[in-house]
Amino acid sequence: MIRILVALFLCIASAAPVFAVNPDEVLADPALEARARAISAELRCMVCQNQSIDDSNAELAKDLRLLVRERLKNGDTDEAVIAYVVSRYGEFVLLKPRFEAKTLVLWGMPVVLLVLGAVTLVVAARRRRTRPAGSPLSDDEKEKLDKLLRS
C-alpha cells in the first residue's frame, strides 16, 4: 500500500511542471507551441528566479509565456523573442547566460576553482609525505621507554 502511495505521489509531483502552462495559453499550431515551450524553458521567472517561465505558476511567468506566444504568432524568430525579453528584463532573465567577455568570469570561475583545489591537494599531500618523522631517540630515552613498557 505504501509503495502505491509513493508511486502515486511521484507521478503527481513529476507532472506538476506540465500544469504550469494553462490550456488557454496553448497555441493551436503544434510547431509554434513547441517553439514557445523551448523559448519559455530558456527564460527565468523573475519571481521564482530558479524556475523557467515554462515551469512557474507566477503571474509574471504567465504574462511572459503569453508575450512569447504573441510574438511568435506575429512572426518573430526565436532569437528575436529572446532578444526582446532580454532588452526588457536584462541578461538575468536567461537561465543559461551567454558566453561573452562580461560573463567570462562566470564561466571560467568553476574551472579556476577546480584547478586551484587540485593544486592545493597536491601541495598538501607532498608536504605531508616530506615531513620528517622526528629525531631518533637517544640511548637514555630508549632505556626509559623500555622501563615503561616492562612495567
N, C-alpha and C. Protein backbone atom coordinates (compact mmCIF):
# COMPACT_ATOMS: atom_id res chain seq x y z
N MET A 1 0.82 -1.19 0.00
CA MET A 1 0.00 0.00 0.00
C MET A 1 0.86 1.26 0.00
N ILE A 2 1.93 1.22 0.81
CA ILE A 2 2.82 2.39 0.87
C ILE A 2 3.51 2.59 -0.47
N ARG A 3 3.88 1.51 -1.12
CA ARG A 3 4.53 1.62 -2.43
C ARG A 3 3.61 2.29 -3.44
N ILE A 4 2.35 1.94 -3.38
CA ILE A 4 1.39 2.53 -4.31
C ILE A 4 1.25 4.03 -4.04
N LEU A 5 1.17 4.40 -2.76
CA LEU A 5 1.06 5.82 -2.41
C LEU A 5 2.31 6.60 -2.83
N VAL A 6 3.48 6.00 -2.62
CA VAL A 6 4.73 6.66 -3.02
C VAL A 6 4.77 6.83 -4.54
N ALA A 7 4.39 5.78 -5.27
CA ALA A 7 4.38 5.85 -6.73
C ALA A 7 3.39 6.91 -7.21
N LEU A 8 2.22 6.98 -6.58
CA LEU A 8 1.23 7.98 -6.95
C LEU A 8 1.75 9.39 -6.68
N PHE A 9 2.38 9.57 -5.53
CA PHE A 9 2.95 10.88 -5.18
C PHE A 9 4.02 11.29 -6.19
N LEU A 10 4.91 10.35 -6.55
CA LEU A 10 5.97 10.67 -7.51
C LEU A 10 5.40 11.03 -8.88
N CYS A 11 4.36 10.33 -9.29
CA CYS A 11 3.73 10.65 -10.58
C CYS A 11 3.13 12.05 -10.57
N ILE A 12 2.45 12.37 -9.49
CA ILE A 12 1.83 13.70 -9.40
C ILE A 12 2.89 14.79 -9.31
N ALA A 13 3.94 14.54 -8.49
CA ALA A 13 4.99 15.54 -8.32
C ALA A 13 5.77 15.76 -9.61
N SER A 14 6.02 14.70 -10.36
CA SER A 14 6.79 14.86 -11.60
C SER A 14 5.96 15.52 -12.70
N ALA A 15 4.65 15.45 -12.59
CA ALA A 15 3.79 16.05 -13.60
C ALA A 15 3.46 17.50 -13.29
N ALA A 16 3.86 18.00 -12.14
CA ALA A 16 3.50 19.36 -11.73
C ALA A 16 3.93 20.42 -12.73
N PRO A 17 5.15 20.37 -13.28
CA PRO A 17 5.53 21.41 -14.25
C PRO A 17 4.66 21.42 -15.51
N VAL A 18 4.06 20.30 -15.84
CA VAL A 18 3.21 20.24 -17.03
C VAL A 18 2.00 21.15 -16.86
N PHE A 19 1.53 21.28 -15.62
CA PHE A 19 0.34 22.07 -15.37
C PHE A 19 0.64 23.57 -15.30
N ALA A 20 1.90 23.97 -15.40
CA ALA A 20 2.24 25.39 -15.30
C ALA A 20 1.67 26.16 -16.49
N VAL A 21 1.72 25.58 -17.67
CA VAL A 21 1.16 26.22 -18.86
C VAL A 21 -0.33 25.91 -18.88
N ASN A 22 -1.13 26.94 -18.77
CA ASN A 22 -2.58 26.77 -18.75
C ASN A 22 -3.09 26.44 -20.14
N PRO A 23 -4.19 25.69 -20.22
CA PRO A 23 -4.72 25.32 -21.54
C PRO A 23 -5.07 26.53 -22.41
N ASP A 24 -5.46 27.65 -21.80
CA ASP A 24 -5.80 28.82 -22.60
C ASP A 24 -4.57 29.50 -23.20
N GLU A 25 -3.37 29.10 -22.75
CA GLU A 25 -2.14 29.68 -23.29
C GLU A 25 -1.61 28.89 -24.48
N VAL A 26 -2.06 27.68 -24.66
CA VAL A 26 -1.51 26.79 -25.69
C VAL A 26 -1.92 27.28 -27.07
N LEU A 27 -0.94 27.31 -27.98
CA LEU A 27 -1.19 27.73 -29.35
C LEU A 27 -1.80 26.59 -30.15
N ALA A 28 -2.60 26.93 -31.16
CA ALA A 28 -3.25 25.91 -31.98
C ALA A 28 -2.24 25.18 -32.87
N ASP A 29 -1.23 25.90 -33.35
CA ASP A 29 -0.21 25.30 -34.21
C ASP A 29 0.81 24.56 -33.35
N PRO A 30 0.94 23.24 -33.50
CA PRO A 30 1.88 22.48 -32.66
C PRO A 30 3.34 22.90 -32.84
N ALA A 31 3.71 23.33 -34.04
CA ALA A 31 5.09 23.75 -34.27
C ALA A 31 5.39 25.04 -33.51
N LEU A 32 4.45 25.99 -33.56
CA LEU A 32 4.63 27.24 -32.81
C LEU A 32 4.62 26.97 -31.31
N GLU A 33 3.77 26.06 -30.86
CA GLU A 33 3.71 25.73 -29.43
C GLU A 33 5.02 25.11 -28.97
N ALA A 34 5.60 24.24 -29.80
CA ALA A 34 6.88 23.62 -29.45
C ALA A 34 7.97 24.69 -29.35
N ARG A 35 7.97 25.64 -30.29
CA ARG A 35 8.94 26.74 -30.22
C ARG A 35 8.73 27.59 -28.98
N ALA A 36 7.47 27.87 -28.66
CA ALA A 36 7.16 28.67 -27.47
C ALA A 36 7.62 27.96 -26.20
N ARG A 37 7.41 26.64 -26.13
CA ARG A 37 7.84 25.88 -24.95
C ARG A 37 9.36 25.87 -24.85
N ALA A 38 10.04 25.75 -25.99
CA ALA A 38 11.51 25.75 -25.97
C ALA A 38 12.05 27.10 -25.50
N ILE A 39 11.46 28.18 -25.99
CA ILE A 39 11.89 29.52 -25.56
C ILE A 39 11.57 29.73 -24.09
N SER A 40 10.38 29.34 -23.67
CA SER A 40 9.98 29.51 -22.27
C SER A 40 10.87 28.72 -21.33
N ALA A 41 11.40 27.61 -21.78
CA ALA A 41 12.29 26.81 -20.93
C ALA A 41 13.64 27.49 -20.73
N GLU A 42 13.99 28.43 -21.61
CA GLU A 42 15.27 29.13 -21.51
C GLU A 42 15.19 30.42 -20.70
N LEU A 43 13.98 30.88 -20.40
CA LEU A 43 13.80 32.16 -19.72
C LEU A 43 13.48 31.95 -18.24
N ARG A 44 14.14 32.73 -17.40
CA ARG A 44 13.99 32.64 -15.95
C ARG A 44 12.75 33.41 -15.50
N CYS A 45 12.02 32.82 -14.57
CA CYS A 45 10.92 33.54 -13.93
C CYS A 45 11.55 34.54 -12.97
N MET A 46 11.22 35.80 -13.12
CA MET A 46 11.82 36.84 -12.29
C MET A 46 11.27 36.82 -10.86
N VAL A 47 10.17 36.12 -10.64
CA VAL A 47 9.60 35.98 -9.29
C VAL A 47 10.24 34.79 -8.59
N CYS A 48 10.25 33.64 -9.25
CA CYS A 48 10.77 32.40 -8.65
C CYS A 48 12.30 32.35 -8.73
N GLN A 49 12.87 32.86 -9.77
CA GLN A 49 14.30 33.00 -10.05
C GLN A 49 15.04 31.70 -10.31
N ASN A 50 14.61 30.58 -9.80
CA ASN A 50 15.30 29.32 -10.11
C ASN A 50 14.42 28.41 -10.94
N GLN A 51 13.39 28.95 -11.52
CA GLN A 51 12.50 28.20 -12.39
C GLN A 51 12.39 28.92 -13.73
N SER A 52 12.13 28.13 -14.75
CA SER A 52 11.86 28.76 -16.04
C SER A 52 10.42 29.27 -16.02
N ILE A 53 10.11 30.15 -16.96
CA ILE A 53 8.73 30.65 -17.02
C ILE A 53 7.79 29.53 -17.47
N ASP A 54 8.34 28.51 -18.10
CA ASP A 54 7.54 27.37 -18.52
C ASP A 54 7.07 26.56 -17.32
N ASP A 55 7.87 26.51 -16.26
CA ASP A 55 7.55 25.71 -15.07
C ASP A 55 6.84 26.50 -13.99
N SER A 56 6.89 27.81 -14.04
CA SER A 56 6.40 28.65 -12.94
C SER A 56 4.90 28.94 -13.07
N ASN A 57 4.26 29.08 -11.93
CA ASN A 57 2.84 29.46 -11.90
C ASN A 57 2.64 30.93 -11.53
N ALA A 58 3.72 31.68 -11.41
CA ALA A 58 3.62 33.10 -11.04
C ALA A 58 2.92 33.89 -12.15
N GLU A 59 2.28 34.97 -11.76
CA GLU A 59 1.57 35.81 -12.73
C GLU A 59 2.52 36.39 -13.78
N LEU A 60 3.70 36.81 -13.34
CA LEU A 60 4.67 37.36 -14.28
C LEU A 60 5.09 36.30 -15.30
N ALA A 61 5.27 35.07 -14.84
CA ALA A 61 5.63 33.98 -15.75
C ALA A 61 4.51 33.75 -16.76
N LYS A 62 3.28 33.81 -16.31
CA LYS A 62 2.15 33.65 -17.23
C LYS A 62 2.16 34.77 -18.27
N ASP A 63 2.39 36.00 -17.81
CA ASP A 63 2.45 37.13 -18.75
C ASP A 63 3.58 36.96 -19.76
N LEU A 64 4.73 36.48 -19.30
CA LEU A 64 5.86 36.28 -20.21
C LEU A 64 5.57 35.14 -21.19
N ARG A 65 4.92 34.07 -20.72
CA ARG A 65 4.55 32.98 -21.64
C ARG A 65 3.61 33.50 -22.72
N LEU A 66 2.64 34.32 -22.32
CA LEU A 66 1.71 34.90 -23.30
C LEU A 66 2.44 35.84 -24.26
N LEU A 67 3.40 36.62 -23.74
CA LEU A 67 4.19 37.52 -24.57
C LEU A 67 4.99 36.72 -25.61
N VAL A 68 5.62 35.65 -25.17
CA VAL A 68 6.41 34.80 -26.09
C VAL A 68 5.50 34.26 -27.19
N ARG A 69 4.34 33.75 -26.81
CA ARG A 69 3.43 33.17 -27.80
C ARG A 69 2.89 34.25 -28.76
N GLU A 70 2.60 35.43 -28.23
CA GLU A 70 2.10 36.53 -29.07
C GLU A 70 3.15 36.95 -30.09
N ARG A 71 4.38 37.07 -29.66
CA ARG A 71 5.45 37.49 -30.58
C ARG A 71 5.71 36.41 -31.63
N LEU A 72 5.61 35.13 -31.24
CA LEU A 72 5.77 34.06 -32.22
C LEU A 72 4.63 34.08 -33.24
N LYS A 73 3.41 34.34 -32.78
CA LYS A 73 2.27 34.43 -33.70
C LYS A 73 2.46 35.58 -34.69
N ASN A 74 3.12 36.64 -34.25
CA ASN A 74 3.36 37.80 -35.12
C ASN A 74 4.52 37.57 -36.09
N GLY A 75 5.17 36.42 -36.00
CA GLY A 75 6.21 36.08 -36.97
C GLY A 75 7.64 36.31 -36.52
N ASP A 76 7.85 36.65 -35.26
CA ASP A 76 9.22 36.84 -34.76
C ASP A 76 9.98 35.52 -34.74
N THR A 77 11.29 35.60 -34.93
CA THR A 77 12.13 34.41 -34.79
C THR A 77 12.36 34.14 -33.31
N ASP A 78 12.87 32.96 -33.00
CA ASP A 78 13.17 32.61 -31.61
C ASP A 78 14.17 33.61 -31.02
N GLU A 79 15.19 33.94 -31.80
CA GLU A 79 16.22 34.87 -31.33
C GLU A 79 15.64 36.26 -31.08
N ALA A 80 14.71 36.68 -31.93
CA ALA A 80 14.10 38.00 -31.76
C ALA A 80 13.25 38.05 -30.49
N VAL A 81 12.54 36.97 -30.21
CA VAL A 81 11.72 36.92 -29.00
C VAL A 81 12.61 36.98 -27.77
N ILE A 82 13.68 36.19 -27.77
CA ILE A 82 14.60 36.18 -26.62
C ILE A 82 15.26 37.54 -26.48
N ALA A 83 15.67 38.14 -27.59
CA ALA A 83 16.31 39.47 -27.54
C ALA A 83 15.34 40.51 -26.98
N TYR A 84 14.07 40.42 -27.35
CA TYR A 84 13.08 41.37 -26.83
C TYR A 84 12.92 41.23 -25.32
N VAL A 85 12.81 40.00 -24.84
CA VAL A 85 12.65 39.77 -23.39
C VAL A 85 13.91 40.22 -22.65
N VAL A 86 15.08 39.94 -23.21
CA VAL A 86 16.34 40.37 -22.58
C VAL A 86 16.43 41.89 -22.56
N SER A 87 15.97 42.55 -23.61
CA SER A 87 16.02 44.02 -23.63
C SER A 87 15.12 44.62 -22.54
N ARG A 88 14.06 43.94 -22.19
CA ARG A 88 13.15 44.46 -21.15
C ARG A 88 13.59 44.08 -19.74
N TYR A 89 14.17 42.88 -19.57
CA TYR A 89 14.47 42.38 -18.22
C TYR A 89 15.96 42.19 -17.95
N GLY A 90 16.80 42.35 -18.94
CA GLY A 90 18.24 42.19 -18.75
C GLY A 90 18.69 40.75 -18.92
N GLU A 91 20.01 40.56 -18.89
CA GLU A 91 20.61 39.24 -19.10
C GLU A 91 20.20 38.23 -18.02
N PHE A 92 19.81 38.72 -16.85
CA PHE A 92 19.45 37.83 -15.74
C PHE A 92 18.27 36.94 -16.10
N VAL A 93 17.45 37.35 -17.05
CA VAL A 93 16.27 36.58 -17.42
C VAL A 93 16.65 35.27 -18.13
N LEU A 94 17.88 35.18 -18.62
CA LEU A 94 18.33 33.95 -19.29
C LEU A 94 18.78 32.93 -18.25
N LEU A 95 18.23 31.72 -18.32
CA LEU A 95 18.66 30.67 -17.39
C LEU A 95 20.09 30.23 -17.68
N LYS A 96 20.48 30.25 -18.95
CA LYS A 96 21.86 29.93 -19.33
C LYS A 96 22.48 31.22 -19.86
N PRO A 97 23.34 31.86 -19.08
CA PRO A 97 23.94 33.12 -19.54
C PRO A 97 24.75 32.92 -20.82
N ARG A 98 24.79 33.94 -21.63
CA ARG A 98 25.55 33.88 -22.88
C ARG A 98 27.04 33.92 -22.57
N PHE A 99 27.84 33.34 -23.45
CA PHE A 99 29.30 33.36 -23.29
C PHE A 99 29.82 34.62 -23.97
N GLU A 100 30.09 35.64 -23.18
CA GLU A 100 30.59 36.92 -23.67
C GLU A 100 31.75 37.35 -22.79
N ALA A 101 32.39 38.44 -23.17
CA ALA A 101 33.53 38.94 -22.38
C ALA A 101 33.11 39.29 -20.96
N LYS A 102 31.92 39.87 -20.80
CA LYS A 102 31.49 40.27 -19.46
C LYS A 102 31.05 39.09 -18.60
N THR A 103 30.77 37.94 -19.21
CA THR A 103 30.40 36.75 -18.43
C THR A 103 31.53 35.74 -18.37
N LEU A 104 32.71 36.14 -18.83
CA LEU A 104 33.85 35.22 -18.83
C LEU A 104 34.19 34.74 -17.42
N VAL A 105 34.13 35.62 -16.45
CA VAL A 105 34.42 35.23 -15.06
C VAL A 105 33.41 34.19 -14.59
N LEU A 106 32.15 34.41 -14.93
CA LEU A 106 31.10 33.48 -14.54
C LEU A 106 31.35 32.09 -15.11
N TRP A 107 31.76 32.01 -16.36
CA TRP A 107 32.01 30.73 -17.00
C TRP A 107 33.36 30.14 -16.59
N GLY A 108 34.36 30.98 -16.36
CA GLY A 108 35.70 30.49 -16.07
C GLY A 108 35.96 30.16 -14.62
N MET A 109 35.20 30.74 -13.71
CA MET A 109 35.46 30.55 -12.28
C MET A 109 35.39 29.08 -11.84
N PRO A 110 34.44 28.28 -12.28
CA PRO A 110 34.44 26.87 -11.86
C PRO A 110 35.73 26.14 -12.24
N VAL A 111 36.24 26.40 -13.43
CA VAL A 111 37.48 25.76 -13.87
C VAL A 111 38.65 26.24 -13.01
N VAL A 112 38.70 27.54 -12.76
CA VAL A 112 39.78 28.10 -11.93
C VAL A 112 39.73 27.50 -10.53
N LEU A 113 38.55 27.40 -9.96
CA LEU A 113 38.43 26.84 -8.61
C LEU A 113 38.80 25.37 -8.57
N LEU A 114 38.44 24.60 -9.59
CA LEU A 114 38.83 23.19 -9.65
C LEU A 114 40.34 23.04 -9.72
N VAL A 115 40.98 23.82 -10.57
CA VAL A 115 42.44 23.75 -10.70
C VAL A 115 43.10 24.18 -9.39
N LEU A 116 42.62 25.25 -8.79
CA LEU A 116 43.16 25.73 -7.53
C LEU A 116 43.00 24.68 -6.43
N GLY A 117 41.86 24.03 -6.37
CA GLY A 117 41.64 22.97 -5.39
C GLY A 117 42.56 21.78 -5.61
N ALA A 118 42.75 21.39 -6.87
CA ALA A 118 43.64 20.27 -7.18
C ALA A 118 45.08 20.60 -6.80
N VAL A 119 45.53 21.81 -7.11
CA VAL A 119 46.89 22.23 -6.76
C VAL A 119 47.05 22.23 -5.24
N THR A 120 46.06 22.72 -4.52
CA THR A 120 46.12 22.73 -3.06
C THR A 120 46.23 21.32 -2.50
N LEU A 121 45.46 20.39 -3.04
CA LEU A 121 45.52 19.00 -2.58
C LEU A 121 46.89 18.38 -2.86
N VAL A 122 47.45 18.63 -4.04
CA VAL A 122 48.76 18.08 -4.38
C VAL A 122 49.84 18.64 -3.46
N VAL A 123 49.82 19.95 -3.23
CA VAL A 123 50.81 20.57 -2.35
C VAL A 123 50.68 20.03 -0.93
N ALA A 124 49.47 19.90 -0.44
CA ALA A 124 49.26 19.38 0.92
C ALA A 124 49.73 17.94 1.03
N ALA A 125 49.49 17.13 0.00
CA ALA A 125 49.92 15.74 0.03
C ALA A 125 51.44 15.64 0.00
N ARG A 126 52.08 16.47 -0.79
CA ARG A 126 53.56 16.45 -0.84
C ARG A 126 54.17 16.90 0.48
N ARG A 127 53.61 17.91 1.09
CA ARG A 127 54.13 18.37 2.39
C ARG A 127 53.98 17.29 3.45
N ARG A 128 52.88 16.59 3.40
CA ARG A 128 52.64 15.55 4.39
C ARG A 128 53.66 14.42 4.23
N ARG A 129 54.00 14.07 2.99
CA ARG A 129 54.96 12.99 2.73
C ARG A 129 56.39 13.38 3.09
N THR A 130 56.76 14.63 2.86
CA THR A 130 58.16 15.04 3.07
C THR A 130 58.43 15.51 4.49
N ARG A 131 57.43 15.55 5.33
CA ARG A 131 57.63 15.99 6.71
C ARG A 131 58.50 14.96 7.44
N PRO A 132 59.56 15.41 8.13
CA PRO A 132 60.42 14.46 8.83
C PRO A 132 59.65 13.77 9.96
N ALA A 133 60.00 12.52 10.20
CA ALA A 133 59.30 11.73 11.21
C ALA A 133 59.69 12.16 12.62
N GLY A 134 60.72 12.90 12.78
CA GLY A 134 61.19 13.34 14.09
C GLY A 134 62.61 12.84 14.30
N SER A 135 63.25 13.34 15.32
CA SER A 135 64.63 12.91 15.59
C SER A 135 64.61 11.54 16.27
N PRO A 136 65.64 10.73 16.02
CA PRO A 136 65.69 9.40 16.65
C PRO A 136 65.87 9.53 18.17
N LEU A 137 65.44 8.51 18.88
CA LEU A 137 65.55 8.51 20.35
C LEU A 137 67.00 8.34 20.78
N SER A 138 67.34 9.05 21.84
CA SER A 138 68.69 8.88 22.41
C SER A 138 68.71 7.59 23.23
N ASP A 139 69.93 7.16 23.64
CA ASP A 139 70.04 5.93 24.43
C ASP A 139 69.29 6.05 25.75
N ASP A 140 69.39 7.21 26.37
CA ASP A 140 68.69 7.44 27.65
C ASP A 140 67.17 7.33 27.47
N GLU A 141 66.66 7.90 26.37
CA GLU A 141 65.22 7.83 26.12
C GLU A 141 64.77 6.41 25.81
N LYS A 142 65.61 5.64 25.11
CA LYS A 142 65.28 4.25 24.82
C LYS A 142 65.19 3.43 26.10
N GLU A 143 66.11 3.68 27.06
CA GLU A 143 66.07 2.96 28.33
C GLU A 143 64.80 3.28 29.10
N LYS A 144 64.44 4.56 29.15
CA LYS A 144 63.21 4.96 29.85
C LYS A 144 61.98 4.32 29.21
N LEU A 145 61.96 4.27 27.88
CA LEU A 145 60.84 3.66 27.17
C LEU A 145 60.75 2.18 27.47
N ASP A 146 61.90 1.49 27.49
CA ASP A 146 61.90 0.06 27.82
C ASP A 146 61.38 -0.18 29.22
N LYS A 147 61.78 0.65 30.18
CA LYS A 147 61.30 0.51 31.57
C LYS A 147 59.78 0.69 31.63
N LEU A 148 59.28 1.67 30.90
CA LEU A 148 57.83 1.91 30.91
C LEU A 148 57.06 0.75 30.27
N LEU A 149 57.61 0.19 29.22
CA LEU A 149 56.94 -0.92 28.55
C LEU A 149 56.95 -2.19 29.40
N ARG A 150 57.97 -2.41 30.19
CA ARG A 150 58.07 -3.61 31.03
C ARG A 150 57.14 -3.53 32.23
N SER A 151 56.91 -2.34 32.74
CA SER A 151 56.10 -2.25 33.96
C SER A 151 54.62 -2.28 33.71
